[in-house]
Each structure stands twice: as C-alpha cells, then as structure tokens.
C-alpha cells in the first residue's frame, strides 16, 4: 500500500512516497523534482519488478532545492528509515548534466558487483547510453560513495545510477525512454538472480 509523508529537511518541505514491494531490492529517487524522470523511472522499474520504491518530491516548488544525498538523513524521515530497514540493496536514480558526457550513465555506489550487473543490462537494452563503472572515470561528485549517502546504508549497499538528460526524459517531458526503463528493469531482475547476492540474502 502506497504511503506518503510530509517532511522537512534543512528547511525544505518535501513529500516522500513509499511503495513497498517484495524481495530485497529498492529503487530510490532522492531528487525527484530536481532531476526530471528519476521519480518516474524509480516508480516504473519498481512496479515492473515488484521491488520497493521511495521517491522524494517538492510539489509546487518553482525552484526545487537540491540537497546533497549524504544530507538526506534518515533521522528526518520515517519512510526513509522504513525503506532502509526493508531493503537490502538500493538502486538510487539521479540525473546529471555533464556536457563532456552527454550520453554516459555513471554507475557509482559501493556495491561494484551490482554496478556491473546493471551495466550489462544497459549495454544490452539501451546501448545508446554507455555505462561507466570505473569509479576513477566517474566525476568525483557523482560517485555516490559517501558513507552517509542513503544508497550505501542498506545492508548490501547499492548502486548510484547517474543518468544524462536524454536517458531520463523524452519529448520535453519527464517520461523516461522505454528502452532505459527496460534496461533498468532487466538489471534489477538480474540482480535478483545473481548467485552471490542471493546467498547474501537479497531474495
């Protein structure tokens, strides 16, 4: 059952929306109003895979405030605490606007094996958007390795997926391209089948 919570983080009013799923994978969009398409992708992929999703938005904000991920503290949000207790591995969706990499999808976070699994799915289903898994090749601000970043707070850690604008919006709307949604859904499903992750209690 979908649940919502009005929260205030660093003086910024937000709405958190949690849709519980089955299994141990969760889709997270911390900046749903700042990074167009990430909220829609998180909800779509989670629904297709039966995973849990948690999305933060700033409804009605003319200029949404971007709070860095490590400062999105679980102490401020009951539903974020519940997400972190419910989920074992997080796939956190973000958007980037790096002009030097207009089509690259950067896969950061501390779970490098899971990043590779998602990269393979992106290569198979959305080859227009090359996946970068080498942390040294990912801009430092997009690596998602800070220990307080929610993507790393679930028991198995997670993957921070930084998507360029064309990979998360289409036709001037926040509707993500179907191939990217297909790729991420295939990647999440593959994570559930990965033997080492299953043995760690992912499923």
N, C-alpha and C. Protein backbone atom coordinates (compact mmCIF):
# COMPACT_ATOMS: atom_id res chain seq x y z
N UNK A 1 0.84 -1.19 0.00
CA UNK A 1 0.00 0.00 0.00
C UNK A 1 0.89 1.25 0.00
N UNK A 2 0.59 2.18 -0.91
CA UNK A 2 1.36 3.42 -1.01
C UNK A 2 1.18 4.28 0.24
N UNK A 3 2.29 4.80 0.74
CA UNK A 3 2.25 5.68 1.90
C UNK A 3 3.03 6.95 1.59
N UNK A 4 2.55 8.07 2.11
CA UNK A 4 3.24 9.33 1.92
C UNK A 4 3.52 9.99 3.25
N UNK A 5 4.55 10.83 3.25
CA UNK A 5 4.93 11.55 4.46
C UNK A 5 5.41 12.93 4.06
N UNK A 6 4.88 13.94 4.72
CA UNK A 6 5.39 15.30 4.55
C UNK A 6 6.56 15.49 5.50
N UNK A 7 7.70 15.85 4.94
CA UNK A 7 8.90 16.01 5.75
C UNK A 7 9.54 17.36 5.45
N UNK A 8 10.41 17.77 6.35
CA UNK A 8 11.19 18.99 6.14
C UNK A 8 12.65 18.65 6.41
N UNK A 9 13.48 18.84 5.39
CA UNK A 9 14.90 18.55 5.51
C UNK A 9 15.67 19.83 5.22
N UNK A 10 16.44 20.28 6.20
CA UNK A 10 17.19 21.53 6.10
C UNK A 10 16.28 22.69 5.69
N UNK A 11 15.07 22.70 6.25
CA UNK A 11 14.14 23.77 5.98
C UNK A 11 13.38 23.66 4.68
N UNK A 12 13.59 22.58 3.93
CA UNK A 12 12.94 22.40 2.63
C UNK A 12 11.79 21.42 2.78
N UNK A 13 10.55 21.83 2.50
CA UNK A 13 9.43 20.89 2.59
C UNK A 13 9.43 19.92 1.42
N UNK A 14 9.21 18.66 1.73
CA UNK A 14 9.20 17.60 0.73
C UNK A 14 8.08 16.63 1.03
N UNK A 15 7.77 15.81 0.03
CA UNK A 15 6.85 14.70 0.21
C UNK A 15 7.60 13.42 -0.16
N UNK A 16 7.63 12.47 0.76
CA UNK A 16 8.22 11.16 0.50
C UNK A 16 7.10 10.18 0.22
N UNK A 17 7.25 9.39 -0.83
CA UNK A 17 6.23 8.40 -1.22
C UNK A 17 6.88 7.03 -1.26
N UNK A 18 6.39 6.13 -0.42
CA UNK A 18 6.92 4.77 -0.33
C UNK A 18 5.89 3.79 -0.87
N UNK A 19 6.35 2.92 -1.79
CA UNK A 19 5.51 1.83 -2.29
C UNK A 19 6.24 0.53 -1.94
N UNK A 20 5.82 -0.18 -0.91
CA UNK A 20 6.50 -1.42 -0.52
C UNK A 20 6.38 -2.48 -1.59
N UNK A 21 7.44 -3.26 -1.74
CA UNK A 21 7.43 -4.38 -2.68
C UNK A 21 7.91 -5.63 -1.99
N UNK A 22 8.20 -6.62 -2.81
CA UNK A 22 8.69 -7.88 -2.27
C UNK A 22 10.20 -7.96 -2.55
N UNK A 23 10.85 -8.91 -1.91
CA UNK A 23 12.28 -9.08 -2.14
C UNK A 23 13.09 -8.01 -1.44
N UNK A 24 14.38 -7.98 -1.74
CA UNK A 24 15.28 -7.11 -1.00
C UNK A 24 15.86 -5.95 -1.78
N UNK A 25 15.33 -5.66 -2.97
CA UNK A 25 15.86 -4.57 -3.78
C UNK A 25 14.92 -3.37 -3.69
N UNK A 26 15.52 -2.17 -3.58
CA UNK A 26 14.72 -0.96 -3.53
C UNK A 26 15.20 0.06 -4.54
N UNK A 27 14.24 0.78 -5.16
CA UNK A 27 14.55 1.89 -6.07
C UNK A 27 14.34 3.19 -5.31
N UNK A 28 15.31 4.08 -5.40
CA UNK A 28 15.29 5.32 -4.63
C UNK A 28 15.48 6.50 -5.57
N UNK A 29 14.66 7.55 -5.41
CA UNK A 29 14.85 8.81 -6.13
C UNK A 29 14.81 9.93 -5.10
N UNK A 30 15.96 10.42 -4.72
CA UNK A 30 16.06 11.43 -3.68
C UNK A 30 15.71 12.83 -4.18
N UNK A 31 15.85 13.05 -5.50
CA UNK A 31 15.68 14.39 -6.07
C UNK A 31 14.67 14.35 -7.21
N UNK A 32 13.49 13.82 -6.91
CA UNK A 32 12.50 13.63 -7.94
C UNK A 32 12.03 14.90 -8.61
N UNK A 33 12.08 16.04 -7.93
CA UNK A 33 11.65 17.31 -8.53
C UNK A 33 12.80 18.06 -9.19
N UNK A 34 14.03 17.71 -8.85
CA UNK A 34 15.20 18.38 -9.42
C UNK A 34 15.72 17.69 -10.66
N UNK A 35 15.63 16.37 -10.67
CA UNK A 35 16.27 15.57 -11.70
C UNK A 35 15.18 14.82 -12.46
N UNK A 36 14.66 15.52 -13.47
CA UNK A 36 13.48 15.05 -14.20
C UNK A 36 13.59 13.62 -14.67
N UNK A 37 12.52 12.87 -14.50
CA UNK A 37 12.43 11.49 -14.95
C UNK A 37 12.88 10.47 -13.94
N UNK A 38 13.64 10.88 -12.92
CA UNK A 38 14.14 9.89 -11.97
C UNK A 38 13.02 9.32 -11.10
N UNK A 39 12.08 10.16 -10.70
CA UNK A 39 10.95 9.66 -9.91
C UNK A 39 10.13 8.68 -10.72
N UNK A 40 9.87 9.04 -11.97
CA UNK A 40 9.07 8.16 -12.83
C UNK A 40 9.78 6.84 -13.09
N UNK A 41 11.09 6.89 -13.30
CA UNK A 41 11.85 5.66 -13.51
C UNK A 41 11.83 4.77 -12.28
N UNK A 42 12.03 5.36 -11.11
CA UNK A 42 12.04 4.57 -9.88
C UNK A 42 10.71 3.86 -9.70
N UNK A 43 9.63 4.60 -9.90
CA UNK A 43 8.30 4.00 -9.71
C UNK A 43 8.01 2.94 -10.76
N UNK A 44 8.37 3.22 -12.01
CA UNK A 44 8.09 2.27 -13.10
C UNK A 44 8.87 0.98 -12.94
N UNK A 45 10.17 1.11 -12.69
CA UNK A 45 11.02 -0.08 -12.57
C UNK A 45 10.61 -0.90 -11.36
N UNK A 46 10.35 -0.24 -10.25
CA UNK A 46 9.94 -0.97 -9.04
C UNK A 46 8.64 -1.72 -9.28
N UNK A 47 7.69 -1.07 -9.92
CA UNK A 47 6.40 -1.71 -10.19
C UNK A 47 6.57 -2.93 -11.09
N UNK A 48 7.38 -2.79 -12.11
CA UNK A 48 7.58 -3.91 -13.05
C UNK A 48 8.30 -5.08 -12.41
N UNK A 49 9.18 -4.79 -11.45
CA UNK A 49 9.98 -5.84 -10.83
C UNK A 49 9.42 -6.30 -9.48
N UNK A 50 8.38 -5.64 -9.01
CA UNK A 50 7.86 -5.97 -7.69
C UNK A 50 8.76 -5.52 -6.56
N UNK A 51 9.62 -4.52 -6.84
CA UNK A 51 10.55 -4.02 -5.84
C UNK A 51 9.90 -2.88 -5.04
N UNK A 52 10.58 -2.46 -4.00
CA UNK A 52 10.14 -1.31 -3.20
C UNK A 52 10.65 -0.03 -3.85
N UNK A 53 9.86 1.04 -3.78
CA UNK A 53 10.34 2.34 -4.26
C UNK A 53 10.09 3.41 -3.21
N UNK A 54 11.00 4.37 -3.17
CA UNK A 54 10.85 5.55 -2.32
C UNK A 54 11.28 6.76 -3.14
N UNK A 55 10.36 7.73 -3.26
CA UNK A 55 10.60 8.91 -4.09
C UNK A 55 10.37 10.17 -3.26
N UNK A 56 11.29 11.12 -3.38
CA UNK A 56 11.15 12.42 -2.74
C UNK A 56 10.84 13.48 -3.80
N UNK A 57 9.81 14.29 -3.55
CA UNK A 57 9.47 15.38 -4.45
C UNK A 57 9.23 16.65 -3.64
N UNK A 58 9.19 17.77 -4.35
CA UNK A 58 8.89 19.06 -3.74
C UNK A 58 7.71 19.68 -4.51
N UNK A 59 6.50 19.18 -4.27
CA UNK A 59 5.34 19.62 -5.03
C UNK A 59 5.13 21.14 -4.93
N UNK A 60 4.90 21.75 -6.07
CA UNK A 60 4.61 23.18 -6.10
C UNK A 60 5.81 24.08 -6.03
N UNK A 61 6.99 23.53 -5.84
CA UNK A 61 8.20 24.36 -5.75
C UNK A 61 8.59 24.87 -7.13
N UNK A 62 8.68 26.19 -7.28
CA UNK A 62 9.08 26.76 -8.57
C UNK A 62 10.55 26.49 -8.86
N UNK A 63 11.34 26.51 -7.80
CA UNK A 63 12.77 26.21 -7.94
C UNK A 63 13.15 25.19 -6.88
N UNK A 64 12.98 23.92 -7.19
CA UNK A 64 13.30 22.87 -6.19
C UNK A 64 14.74 22.99 -5.71
N UNK A 65 14.90 22.75 -4.43
CA UNK A 65 16.22 22.83 -3.80
C UNK A 65 16.90 21.47 -3.88
N UNK A 66 18.16 21.48 -4.29
CA UNK A 66 18.92 20.23 -4.36
C UNK A 66 19.74 20.07 -3.09
N UNK A 67 19.34 19.12 -2.26
CA UNK A 67 20.09 18.80 -1.04
C UNK A 67 20.98 17.60 -1.34
N UNK A 68 22.29 17.72 -1.17
CA UNK A 68 23.18 16.59 -1.46
C UNK A 68 22.74 15.31 -0.75
N UNK A 69 22.89 14.21 -1.44
CA UNK A 69 22.40 12.93 -0.92
C UNK A 69 22.86 12.60 0.49
N UNK A 70 24.14 12.82 0.85
CA UNK A 70 24.56 12.46 2.21
C UNK A 70 23.84 13.25 3.30
N UNK A 71 23.18 14.36 2.91
CA UNK A 71 22.45 15.15 3.90
C UNK A 71 20.97 14.82 3.94
N UNK A 72 20.54 13.86 3.14
CA UNK A 72 19.15 13.37 3.20
C UNK A 72 19.10 12.31 4.29
N UNK A 73 18.98 12.76 5.53
CA UNK A 73 19.18 11.90 6.68
C UNK A 73 17.93 11.11 7.05
N UNK A 74 18.14 9.87 7.42
CA UNK A 74 17.02 9.01 7.85
C UNK A 74 16.37 9.55 9.11
N UNK A 75 17.11 10.31 9.92
CA UNK A 75 16.54 10.88 11.15
C UNK A 75 15.38 11.82 10.84
N UNK A 76 15.37 12.39 9.63
CA UNK A 76 14.36 13.37 9.27
C UNK A 76 13.11 12.75 8.65
N UNK A 77 13.13 11.46 8.36
CA UNK A 77 12.05 10.88 7.56
C UNK A 77 11.76 9.44 8.00
N UNK A 78 10.56 9.22 8.48
CA UNK A 78 10.14 7.88 8.92
C UNK A 78 10.18 6.90 7.75
N UNK A 79 9.71 7.34 6.57
CA UNK A 79 9.65 6.42 5.44
C UNK A 79 11.03 6.07 4.90
N UNK A 80 11.99 6.98 5.02
CA UNK A 80 13.35 6.62 4.63
C UNK A 80 13.92 5.59 5.59
N UNK A 81 13.64 5.73 6.87
CA UNK A 81 14.10 4.71 7.82
C UNK A 81 13.46 3.36 7.50
N UNK A 82 12.18 3.38 7.17
CA UNK A 82 11.50 2.12 6.85
C UNK A 82 12.08 1.50 5.58
N UNK A 83 12.36 2.33 4.59
CA UNK A 83 12.98 1.84 3.35
C UNK A 83 14.30 1.16 3.66
N UNK A 84 15.14 1.80 4.46
CA UNK A 84 16.46 1.25 4.76
C UNK A 84 16.37 -0.04 5.58
N UNK A 85 15.30 -0.19 6.36
CA UNK A 85 15.10 -1.42 7.12
C UNK A 85 14.52 -2.53 6.26
N UNK A 86 13.72 -2.16 5.26
CA UNK A 86 13.02 -3.14 4.42
C UNK A 86 13.92 -3.70 3.32
N UNK A 87 14.80 -2.85 2.79
CA UNK A 87 15.57 -3.16 1.60
C UNK A 87 16.98 -3.62 1.97
N UNK A 88 17.54 -4.52 1.19
CA UNK A 88 18.91 -4.97 1.42
C UNK A 88 19.90 -4.36 0.43
N UNK A 89 19.45 -4.02 -0.77
CA UNK A 89 20.31 -3.41 -1.77
C UNK A 89 19.52 -2.31 -2.47
N UNK A 90 20.15 -1.14 -2.62
CA UNK A 90 19.47 0.03 -3.18
C UNK A 90 20.01 0.36 -4.56
N UNK A 91 19.09 0.70 -5.46
CA UNK A 91 19.43 1.28 -6.76
C UNK A 91 18.89 2.71 -6.71
N UNK A 92 19.79 3.67 -6.59
CA UNK A 92 19.41 5.07 -6.40
C UNK A 92 19.58 5.82 -7.71
N UNK A 93 18.48 6.41 -8.21
CA UNK A 93 18.47 7.05 -9.52
C UNK A 93 18.65 8.56 -9.39
N UNK A 94 19.59 9.09 -10.17
CA UNK A 94 19.91 10.51 -10.17
C UNK A 94 20.06 10.99 -11.60
N UNK A 95 20.15 12.31 -11.76
CA UNK A 95 20.38 12.87 -13.09
C UNK A 95 21.62 13.73 -13.10
N UNK A 96 22.34 13.70 -14.22
CA UNK A 96 23.50 14.58 -14.38
C UNK A 96 23.36 15.36 -15.69
N UNK A 97 24.11 16.46 -15.76
CA UNK A 97 24.10 17.33 -16.94
C UNK A 97 25.54 17.64 -17.35
N UNK A 98 26.38 16.62 -17.39
CA UNK A 98 27.79 16.83 -17.71
C UNK A 98 27.96 16.99 -19.23
N UNK A 99 28.34 18.17 -19.70
CA UNK A 99 28.44 18.37 -21.15
C UNK A 99 29.50 17.50 -21.81
N UNK A 100 30.50 17.08 -21.03
CA UNK A 100 31.55 16.23 -21.60
C UNK A 100 31.12 14.78 -21.74
N UNK A 101 29.97 14.43 -21.16
CA UNK A 101 29.47 13.05 -21.21
C UNK A 101 27.95 13.06 -21.39
N UNK A 102 27.45 13.58 -22.52
CA UNK A 102 26.01 13.81 -22.67
C UNK A 102 25.17 12.55 -22.76
N UNK A 103 25.80 11.40 -22.98
CA UNK A 103 25.03 10.15 -23.07
C UNK A 103 25.49 9.09 -22.09
N UNK A 104 26.49 9.37 -21.30
CA UNK A 104 27.04 8.36 -20.39
C UNK A 104 26.18 8.19 -19.15
N UNK A 105 25.99 6.94 -18.76
CA UNK A 105 25.36 6.61 -17.49
C UNK A 105 26.46 6.18 -16.53
N UNK A 106 26.61 6.94 -15.44
CA UNK A 106 27.65 6.64 -14.46
C UNK A 106 27.06 5.76 -13.35
N UNK A 107 27.73 4.66 -13.07
CA UNK A 107 27.26 3.70 -12.07
C UNK A 107 28.22 3.70 -10.88
N UNK A 108 27.87 4.49 -9.87
CA UNK A 108 28.69 4.58 -8.68
C UNK A 108 28.10 3.76 -7.55
N UNK A 109 28.34 4.22 -6.31
CA UNK A 109 27.90 3.44 -5.16
C UNK A 109 28.94 2.42 -4.77
N UNK A 110 28.73 1.82 -3.60
CA UNK A 110 29.76 0.95 -3.05
C UNK A 110 29.64 -0.52 -3.46
N UNK A 111 28.53 -0.89 -4.09
CA UNK A 111 28.40 -2.30 -4.48
C UNK A 111 28.81 -2.43 -5.94
N UNK A 112 30.08 -2.75 -6.15
CA UNK A 112 30.63 -2.74 -7.50
C UNK A 112 30.14 -3.92 -8.35
N UNK A 113 29.90 -5.05 -7.73
CA UNK A 113 29.36 -6.19 -8.50
C UNK A 113 27.98 -5.86 -9.03
N UNK A 114 27.15 -5.25 -8.21
CA UNK A 114 25.81 -4.88 -8.66
C UNK A 114 25.88 -3.83 -9.76
N UNK A 115 26.84 -2.90 -9.66
CA UNK A 115 27.02 -1.90 -10.71
C UNK A 115 27.32 -2.57 -12.05
N UNK A 116 28.13 -3.60 -12.02
CA UNK A 116 28.47 -4.31 -13.25
C UNK A 116 27.26 -5.02 -13.83
N UNK A 117 26.43 -5.59 -12.98
CA UNK A 117 25.21 -6.26 -13.46
C UNK A 117 24.30 -5.25 -14.17
N UNK A 118 24.13 -4.07 -13.58
CA UNK A 118 23.29 -3.04 -14.22
C UNK A 118 23.93 -2.55 -15.51
N UNK A 119 25.25 -2.45 -15.55
CA UNK A 119 25.94 -2.01 -16.76
C UNK A 119 25.68 -2.98 -17.91
N UNK A 120 25.71 -4.26 -17.61
CA UNK A 120 25.46 -5.25 -18.66
C UNK A 120 24.04 -5.14 -19.20
N UNK A 121 23.09 -4.86 -18.33
CA UNK A 121 21.71 -4.71 -18.79
C UNK A 121 21.55 -3.46 -19.65
N UNK A 122 22.20 -2.37 -19.25
CA UNK A 122 22.15 -1.15 -20.05
C UNK A 122 22.78 -1.36 -21.42
N UNK A 123 23.90 -2.06 -21.47
CA UNK A 123 24.55 -2.33 -22.74
C UNK A 123 23.66 -3.16 -23.66
N UNK A 124 22.96 -4.11 -23.08
CA UNK A 124 22.10 -4.99 -23.88
C UNK A 124 20.83 -4.31 -24.36
N UNK A 125 20.24 -3.46 -23.52
CA UNK A 125 18.91 -2.92 -23.82
C UNK A 125 18.91 -1.45 -24.22
N UNK A 126 19.92 -0.69 -23.85
CA UNK A 126 19.96 0.74 -24.16
C UNK A 126 21.39 1.14 -24.53
N UNK A 127 21.93 0.56 -25.62
CA UNK A 127 23.34 0.79 -25.96
C UNK A 127 23.67 2.24 -26.33
N UNK A 128 22.63 3.05 -26.58
CA UNK A 128 22.87 4.47 -26.88
C UNK A 128 23.51 5.18 -25.69
N UNK A 129 23.32 4.61 -24.50
CA UNK A 129 23.81 5.25 -23.28
C UNK A 129 24.90 4.38 -22.66
N UNK A 130 26.17 4.60 -23.02
CA UNK A 130 27.24 3.76 -22.48
C UNK A 130 27.34 3.85 -20.96
N UNK A 131 27.48 2.69 -20.34
CA UNK A 131 27.57 2.60 -18.89
C UNK A 131 29.02 2.66 -18.45
N UNK A 132 29.30 3.50 -17.47
CA UNK A 132 30.66 3.67 -16.94
C UNK A 132 30.68 3.14 -15.51
N UNK A 133 31.48 2.10 -15.28
CA UNK A 133 31.56 1.51 -13.94
C UNK A 133 32.87 1.78 -13.24
N UNK A 134 33.90 2.21 -13.96
CA UNK A 134 35.19 2.50 -13.36
C UNK A 134 35.06 3.78 -12.52
N UNK A 135 35.18 3.65 -11.21
CA UNK A 135 34.99 4.81 -10.34
C UNK A 135 35.96 5.95 -10.66
N UNK A 136 37.15 5.62 -11.12
CA UNK A 136 38.12 6.67 -11.43
C UNK A 136 37.71 7.46 -12.67
N UNK A 137 36.83 6.89 -13.50
CA UNK A 137 36.35 7.57 -14.70
C UNK A 137 35.05 8.33 -14.45
N UNK A 138 34.49 8.21 -13.25
CA UNK A 138 33.25 8.89 -12.89
C UNK A 138 33.62 10.20 -12.19
N UNK A 139 33.03 11.33 -12.58
CA UNK A 139 33.31 12.58 -11.86
C UNK A 139 33.11 12.40 -10.36
N UNK A 140 34.01 12.98 -9.57
CA UNK A 140 34.02 12.71 -8.14
C UNK A 140 32.69 13.01 -7.47
N UNK A 141 31.99 14.03 -7.92
CA UNK A 141 30.71 14.38 -7.30
C UNK A 141 29.58 13.44 -7.63
N UNK A 142 29.82 12.52 -8.55
CA UNK A 142 28.78 11.59 -8.99
C UNK A 142 29.06 10.16 -8.57
N UNK A 143 30.08 9.93 -7.79
CA UNK A 143 30.49 8.54 -7.48
C UNK A 143 29.60 7.87 -6.45
N UNK A 144 28.93 8.62 -5.62
CA UNK A 144 27.99 8.03 -4.67
C UNK A 144 28.61 7.09 -3.66
N UNK A 145 29.80 7.41 -3.19
CA UNK A 145 30.48 6.50 -2.26
C UNK A 145 30.54 7.05 -0.84
N UNK A 146 29.95 8.21 -0.60
CA UNK A 146 29.97 8.78 0.75
C UNK A 146 29.26 7.83 1.71
N UNK A 147 29.83 7.55 2.87
CA UNK A 147 29.22 6.57 3.78
C UNK A 147 27.84 6.97 4.30
N UNK A 148 27.50 8.26 4.27
CA UNK A 148 26.18 8.69 4.73
C UNK A 148 25.16 8.80 3.60
N UNK A 149 25.59 8.57 2.39
CA UNK A 149 24.66 8.57 1.26
C UNK A 149 23.69 7.39 1.45
N UNK A 150 22.37 7.63 1.39
CA UNK A 150 21.42 6.52 1.61
C UNK A 150 21.64 5.31 0.72
N UNK A 151 22.25 5.50 -0.46
CA UNK A 151 22.47 4.34 -1.33
C UNK A 151 23.40 3.32 -0.69
N UNK A 152 24.21 3.77 0.28
CA UNK A 152 25.17 2.87 0.92
C UNK A 152 24.74 2.43 2.31
N UNK A 153 23.53 2.76 2.72
CA UNK A 153 23.11 2.48 4.09
C UNK A 153 22.30 1.20 4.25
N UNK A 154 21.92 0.57 3.16
CA UNK A 154 21.26 -0.73 3.28
C UNK A 154 22.33 -1.80 3.50
N UNK A 155 21.96 -2.98 4.00
CA UNK A 155 22.97 -3.97 4.39
C UNK A 155 23.97 -4.33 3.29
N UNK A 156 23.51 -4.40 2.04
CA UNK A 156 24.41 -4.74 0.94
C UNK A 156 24.91 -3.51 0.20
N UNK A 157 24.57 -2.32 0.68
CA UNK A 157 24.96 -1.12 -0.05
C UNK A 157 24.11 -0.96 -1.30
N UNK A 158 24.69 -0.41 -2.35
CA UNK A 158 23.90 -0.22 -3.55
C UNK A 158 24.65 0.41 -4.69
N UNK A 159 23.88 0.83 -5.71
CA UNK A 159 24.42 1.43 -6.92
C UNK A 159 23.77 2.79 -7.12
N UNK A 160 24.59 3.82 -7.31
CA UNK A 160 24.07 5.14 -7.65
C UNK A 160 24.12 5.28 -9.16
N UNK A 161 22.94 5.40 -9.78
CA UNK A 161 22.82 5.47 -11.23
C UNK A 161 22.62 6.93 -11.63
N UNK A 162 23.63 7.50 -12.25
CA UNK A 162 23.58 8.90 -12.69
C UNK A 162 23.26 8.91 -14.19
N UNK A 163 22.06 9.41 -14.51
CA UNK A 163 21.54 9.36 -15.88
C UNK A 163 21.61 10.72 -16.55
N UNK A 164 22.10 10.79 -17.80
CA UNK A 164 22.06 12.06 -18.53
C UNK A 164 20.62 12.38 -18.91
N UNK A 165 20.38 13.63 -19.27
CA UNK A 165 19.01 14.08 -19.55
C UNK A 165 18.30 13.22 -20.59
N UNK A 166 18.93 12.85 -21.72
CA UNK A 166 18.20 12.06 -22.73
C UNK A 166 17.84 10.65 -22.27
N UNK A 167 18.48 10.18 -21.19
CA UNK A 167 18.20 8.84 -20.69
C UNK A 167 17.08 8.83 -19.65
N UNK A 168 16.59 10.02 -19.28
CA UNK A 168 15.54 10.06 -18.25
C UNK A 168 14.35 10.93 -18.62
N UNK A 169 14.43 11.62 -19.75
CA UNK A 169 13.30 12.41 -20.24
C UNK A 169 13.13 12.18 -21.73
N UNK A 170 11.96 12.54 -22.24
CA UNK A 170 11.72 12.41 -23.68
C UNK A 170 10.62 13.37 -24.09
N UNK A 171 10.78 13.92 -25.29
CA UNK A 171 9.75 14.81 -25.83
C UNK A 171 9.47 16.01 -24.96
N UNK A 172 10.48 16.49 -24.24
CA UNK A 172 10.28 17.65 -23.38
C UNK A 172 9.48 17.37 -22.12
N UNK A 173 9.30 16.09 -21.79
CA UNK A 173 8.56 15.70 -20.59
C UNK A 173 9.45 14.87 -19.69
N UNK A 174 8.96 14.59 -18.49
CA UNK A 174 9.71 13.75 -17.56
C UNK A 174 9.42 12.26 -17.76
N UNK A 175 8.87 11.91 -18.90
CA UNK A 175 8.64 10.50 -19.22
C UNK A 175 9.93 9.89 -19.74
N UNK A 176 10.50 8.93 -19.05
CA UNK A 176 11.78 8.36 -19.48
C UNK A 176 11.62 7.49 -20.71
N UNK A 177 12.68 7.36 -21.51
CA UNK A 177 12.63 6.48 -22.69
C UNK A 177 12.33 5.04 -22.29
N UNK A 178 11.53 4.38 -23.08
CA UNK A 178 11.16 3.00 -22.78
C UNK A 178 12.34 2.06 -22.70
N UNK A 179 13.33 2.28 -23.54
CA UNK A 179 14.49 1.37 -23.54
C UNK A 179 15.29 1.48 -22.25
N UNK A 180 15.34 2.67 -21.69
CA UNK A 180 16.07 2.82 -20.42
C UNK A 180 15.30 2.14 -19.30
N UNK A 181 13.99 2.31 -19.29
CA UNK A 181 13.18 1.62 -18.28
C UNK A 181 13.32 0.11 -18.43
N UNK A 182 13.32 -0.36 -19.69
CA UNK A 182 13.51 -1.80 -19.93
C UNK A 182 14.86 -2.26 -19.41
N UNK A 183 15.90 -1.46 -19.67
CA UNK A 183 17.25 -1.84 -19.26
C UNK A 183 17.37 -1.92 -17.75
N UNK A 184 16.84 -0.91 -17.06
CA UNK A 184 16.94 -0.91 -15.61
C UNK A 184 16.11 -2.03 -14.99
N UNK A 185 14.93 -2.28 -15.56
CA UNK A 185 14.12 -3.39 -15.05
C UNK A 185 14.84 -4.72 -15.25
N UNK A 186 15.45 -4.89 -16.43
CA UNK A 186 16.20 -6.12 -16.68
C UNK A 186 17.38 -6.24 -15.72
N UNK A 187 18.02 -5.11 -15.43
CA UNK A 187 19.15 -5.14 -14.50
C UNK A 187 18.72 -5.48 -13.08
N UNK A 188 17.61 -4.91 -12.64
CA UNK A 188 17.12 -5.23 -11.29
C UNK A 188 16.73 -6.70 -11.20
N UNK A 189 16.08 -7.21 -12.23
CA UNK A 189 15.72 -8.63 -12.22
C UNK A 189 16.97 -9.50 -12.23
N UNK A 190 18.00 -9.09 -12.97
CA UNK A 190 19.25 -9.85 -12.99
C UNK A 190 19.93 -9.83 -11.63
N UNK A 191 19.83 -8.71 -10.92
CA UNK A 191 20.41 -8.66 -9.58
C UNK A 191 19.77 -9.71 -8.68
N UNK A 192 18.47 -9.90 -8.83
CA UNK A 192 17.78 -10.90 -8.02
C UNK A 192 18.20 -12.32 -8.34
N UNK A 193 18.78 -12.52 -9.54
CA UNK A 193 19.22 -13.87 -9.94
C UNK A 193 20.70 -14.10 -9.70
N UNK A 194 21.43 -13.06 -9.32
CA UNK A 194 22.88 -13.18 -9.14
C UNK A 194 23.18 -14.04 -7.92
N UNK A 195 23.93 -15.10 -8.14
CA UNK A 195 24.12 -16.12 -7.08
C UNK A 195 24.73 -15.52 -5.82
N UNK A 196 25.75 -14.69 -5.98
CA UNK A 196 26.42 -14.16 -4.78
C UNK A 196 25.50 -13.24 -3.99
N UNK A 197 24.61 -12.54 -4.68
CA UNK A 197 23.67 -11.67 -3.99
C UNK A 197 22.56 -12.47 -3.34
N UNK A 198 22.12 -13.51 -4.00
CA UNK A 198 21.10 -14.37 -3.40
C UNK A 198 21.61 -15.00 -2.11
N UNK A 199 22.88 -15.42 -2.14
CA UNK A 199 23.45 -16.05 -0.96
C UNK A 199 23.62 -15.05 0.18
N UNK A 200 23.66 -13.74 -0.18
CA UNK A 200 23.76 -12.71 0.85
C UNK A 200 22.41 -12.28 1.36
N UNK A 201 21.36 -12.97 0.91
CA UNK A 201 20.03 -12.72 1.44
C UNK A 201 19.25 -11.67 0.66
N UNK A 202 19.62 -11.43 -0.60
CA UNK A 202 18.91 -10.42 -1.38
C UNK A 202 17.49 -10.84 -1.67
N UNK A 203 17.29 -12.13 -1.92
CA UNK A 203 15.94 -12.61 -2.28
C UNK A 203 15.38 -13.48 -1.16
